[in-house]
């Protein structure tokens, strides 16, 4: 396998990062890959997978791997996605969106 520029870009995009929200919480993040997105579509169901604003926010929330060092389980249902969004609130979602800005744009486009 090549270790060229494309491979380095993909590896960097998949690396975990951390952001602190306005409430002072440290949020561990990772960019969602194709399989992660497919599983999210399955979790939210066919109707919500077509709702771009819902899906965009869900993708941001599901990019969280931990909150203050406590692991966040992968959401596997609509209820779990909504619970995570509720837990993160506006402060968490805003911080994630800023940290993953290119991914946020991609998430908004995913439902189209």
C-alpha atoms as a PDB file:
ATOM      1  CA  UNK A   1       0.000   0.000   0.000  1.00  0.00           C
ATOM      2  CA  UNK A   2       1.214   3.477  -0.872  1.00  0.00           C
ATOM      3  CA  UNK A   3       2.252   5.982   1.756  1.00  0.00           C
ATOM      4  CA  UNK A   4       1.641   8.883  -0.635  1.00  0.00           C
ATOM      5  CA  UNK A   5      -0.157  12.167   0.017  1.00  0.00           C
ATOM      6  CA  UNK A   6      -3.646  10.662  -0.351  1.00  0.00           C
ATOM      7  CA  UNK A   7      -2.917   7.974   2.232  1.00  0.00           C
ATOM      8  CA  UNK A   8      -1.598  10.597   4.670  1.00  0.00           C
ATOM      9  CA  UNK A   9      -4.684  12.785   4.168  1.00  0.00           C
ATOM     10  CA  UNK A  10      -7.025   9.858   4.829  1.00  0.00           C
ATOM     11  CA  UNK A  11      -5.060   8.828   7.922  1.00  0.00           C
ATOM     12  CA  UNK A  12      -5.090  12.380   9.287  1.00  0.00           C
ATOM     13  CA  UNK A  13      -8.825  12.692   8.711  1.00  0.00           C
ATOM     14  CA  UNK A  14      -9.494   9.509  10.644  1.00  0.00           C
ATOM     15  CA  UNK A  15      -7.368  10.434  13.648  1.00  0.00           C
ATOM     16  CA  UNK A  16      -9.130  11.304  16.836  1.00  0.00           C
ATOM     17  CA  UNK A  17      -9.022  14.851  18.117  1.00  0.00           C
ATOM     18  CA  UNK A  18     -10.356  16.725  21.109  1.00  0.00           C
ATOM     19  CA  UNK A  19     -12.282  19.971  21.533  1.00  0.00           C
ATOM     20  CA  UNK A  20     -13.477  21.822  24.625  1.00  0.00           C
ATOM     21  CA  UNK A  21     -17.009  23.217  24.538  1.00  0.00           C
ATOM     22  CA  UNK A  22     -18.343  26.401  26.168  1.00  0.00           C
ATOM     23  CA  UNK A  23     -19.243  24.397  29.298  1.00  0.00           C
ATOM     24  CA  UNK A  24     -15.631  23.293  29.686  1.00  0.00           C
ATOM     25  CA  UNK A  25     -16.267  19.669  28.693  1.00  0.00           C
ATOM     26  CA  UNK A  26     -13.529  17.897  26.763  1.00  0.00           C
ATOM     27  CA  UNK A  27     -15.070  16.097  23.812  1.00  0.00           C
ATOM     28  CA  UNK A  28     -13.086  13.372  22.070  1.00  0.00           C
ATOM     29  CA  UNK A  29     -13.877  13.353  18.353  1.00  0.00           C
ATOM     30  CA  UNK A  30     -13.252  11.331  15.247  1.00  0.00           C
ATOM     31  CA  UNK A  31     -14.430  11.819  11.702  1.00  0.00           C
ATOM     32  CA  UNK A  32     -17.038   9.298  10.684  1.00  0.00           C
ATOM     33  CA  UNK A  33     -16.066   6.874   7.934  1.00  0.00           C
ATOM     34  CA  UNK A  34     -18.343   5.331   5.329  1.00  0.00           C
ATOM     35  CA  UNK A  35     -19.269   2.364   7.547  1.00  0.00           C
ATOM     36  CA  UNK A  36     -20.018   4.663  10.504  1.00  0.00           C
ATOM     37  CA  UNK A  37     -22.367   6.700   8.305  1.00  0.00           C
ATOM     38  CA  UNK A  38     -24.072   3.586   6.978  1.00  0.00           C
ATOM     39  CA  UNK A  39     -24.686   2.383  10.527  1.00  0.00           C
ATOM     40  CA  UNK A  40     -26.057   5.805  11.497  1.00  0.00           C
ATOM     41  CA  UNK A  41     -28.478   5.706   8.547  1.00  0.00           C
ATOM     42  CA  UNK A  42     -29.665   2.318   9.801  1.00  0.00           C
ATOM     43  CA  UNK A  43     -29.995   3.602  13.386  1.00  0.00           C
ATOM     44  CA  UNK A  44     -32.135   6.619  12.489  1.00  0.00           C
ATOM     45  CA  UNK A  45     -34.202   4.813   9.867  1.00  0.00           C
ATOM     46  CA  UNK A  46     -35.082   5.657   6.272  1.00  0.00           C
ATOM     47  CA  UNK A  47     -37.246   8.707   6.981  1.00  0.00           C
ATOM     48  CA  UNK A  48     -34.785  10.543   9.227  1.00  0.00           C
ATOM     49  CA  UNK A  49     -31.862   9.547   6.991  1.00  0.00           C
ATOM     50  CA  UNK A  50     -33.545  11.738   4.346  1.00  0.00           C
ATOM     51  CA  UNK A  51     -33.888  14.700   6.749  1.00  0.00           C
ATOM     52  CA  UNK A  52     -30.701  16.710   6.131  1.00  0.00           C
ATOM     53  CA  UNK A  53     -30.835  18.958   9.236  1.00  0.00           C
ATOM     54  CA  UNK A  54     -31.550  15.996  11.544  1.00  0.00           C
ATOM     55  CA  UNK A  55     -28.886  13.847   9.919  1.00  0.00           C
ATOM     56  CA  UNK A  56     -26.307  16.622  10.048  1.00  0.00           C
ATOM     57  CA  UNK A  57     -26.775  17.117  13.766  1.00  0.00           C
ATOM     58  CA  UNK A  58     -26.824  13.354  14.344  1.00  0.00           C
ATOM     59  CA  UNK A  59     -23.530  12.969  12.470  1.00  0.00           C
ATOM     60  CA  UNK A  60     -21.912  15.666  14.563  1.00  0.00           C
ATOM     61  CA  UNK A  61     -23.111  14.074  17.797  1.00  0.00           C
ATOM     62  CA  UNK A  62     -22.083  10.580  16.690  1.00  0.00           C
ATOM     63  CA  UNK A  63     -18.550  11.837  16.027  1.00  0.00           C
ATOM     64  CA  UNK A  64     -18.049  12.045  19.809  1.00  0.00           C
ATOM     65  CA  UNK A  65     -15.972   9.215  21.244  1.00  0.00           C
ATOM     66  CA  UNK A  66     -15.804  10.432  24.844  1.00  0.00           C
ATOM     67  CA  UNK A  67     -16.872  13.247  27.148  1.00  0.00           C
ATOM     68  CA  UNK A  68     -14.299  14.252  29.756  1.00  0.00           C
ATOM     69  CA  UNK A  69     -12.502  10.955  29.172  1.00  0.00           C
ATOM     70  CA  UNK A  70     -15.634   8.812  29.674  1.00  0.00           C
ATOM     71  CA  UNK A  71     -16.305   6.712  26.548  1.00  0.00           C
ATOM     72  CA  UNK A  72     -19.527   7.390  24.653  1.00  0.00           C
ATOM     73  CA  UNK A  73     -21.039   4.231  23.151  1.00  0.00           C
ATOM     74  CA  UNK A  74     -21.890   4.237  19.452  1.00  0.00           C
ATOM     75  CA  UNK A  75     -25.563   5.107  18.978  1.00  0.00           C
ATOM     76  CA  UNK A  76     -27.534   2.257  17.416  1.00  0.00           C
ATOM     77  CA  UNK A  77     -31.057   3.705  17.556  1.00  0.00           C
ATOM     78  CA  UNK A  78     -32.903   6.957  17.033  1.00  0.00           C
ATOM     79  CA  UNK A  79     -33.475   7.240  20.787  1.00  0.00           C
ATOM     80  CA  UNK A  80     -29.747   6.887  21.498  1.00  0.00           C
ATOM     81  CA  UNK A  81     -28.876   9.526  18.883  1.00  0.00           C
ATOM     82  CA  UNK A  82     -31.391  11.943  20.406  1.00  0.00           C
ATOM     83  CA  UNK A  83     -30.158  11.223  23.933  1.00  0.00           C
ATOM     84  CA  UNK A  84     -26.603  12.028  22.847  1.00  0.00           C
ATOM     85  CA  UNK A  85     -27.681  15.265  21.137  1.00  0.00           C
ATOM     86  CA  UNK A  86     -29.574  16.206  24.320  1.00  0.00           C
ATOM     87  CA  UNK A  87     -26.545  15.412  26.453  1.00  0.00           C
ATOM     88  CA  UNK A  88     -24.240  17.512  24.277  1.00  0.00           C
ATOM     89  CA  UNK A  89     -26.674  20.409  23.985  1.00  0.00           C
ATOM     90  CA  UNK A  90     -26.018  23.547  21.988  1.00  0.00           C
ATOM     91  CA  UNK A  91     -22.554  24.066  23.515  1.00  0.00           C
ATOM     92  CA  UNK A  92     -21.335  20.595  22.573  1.00  0.00           C
ATOM     93  CA  UNK A  93     -22.843  20.533  19.082  1.00  0.00           C
ATOM     94  CA  UNK A  94     -21.442  23.995  18.327  1.00  0.00           C
ATOM     95  CA  UNK A  95     -17.939  23.020  19.448  1.00  0.00           C
ATOM     96  CA  UNK A  96     -18.067  19.810  17.406  1.00  0.00           C
ATOM     97  CA  UNK A  97     -19.290  21.655  14.315  1.00  0.00           C
ATOM     98  CA  UNK A  98     -16.407  24.108  14.562  1.00  0.00           C
ATOM     99  CA  UNK A  99     -13.861  21.347  15.104  1.00  0.00           C
ATOM    100  CA  UNK A 100     -15.168  19.205  12.244  1.00  0.00           C
ATOM    101  CA  UNK A 101     -16.241  22.008   9.910  1.00  0.00           C
ATOM    102  CA  UNK A 102     -15.553  20.154   6.628  1.00  0.00           C
ATOM    103  CA  UNK A 103     -17.363  17.103   8.052  1.00  0.00           C
ATOM    104  CA  UNK A 104     -20.300  19.319   9.068  1.00  0.00           C
ATOM    105  CA  UNK A 105     -20.668  20.542   5.502  1.00  0.00           C
ATOM    106  CA  UNK A 106     -20.477  16.953   4.258  1.00  0.00           C
ATOM    107  CA  UNK A 107     -23.111  15.879   6.806  1.00  0.00           C
ATOM    108  CA  UNK A 108     -25.512  18.567   5.635  1.00  0.00           C
ATOM    109  CA  UNK A 109     -25.027  17.412   2.052  1.00  0.00           C
ATOM    110  CA  UNK A 110     -25.459  13.702   2.909  1.00  0.00           C
ATOM    111  CA  UNK A 111     -29.243  13.897   2.969  1.00  0.00           C
ATOM    112  CA  UNK A 112     -29.500  15.399  -0.535  1.00  0.00           C
END
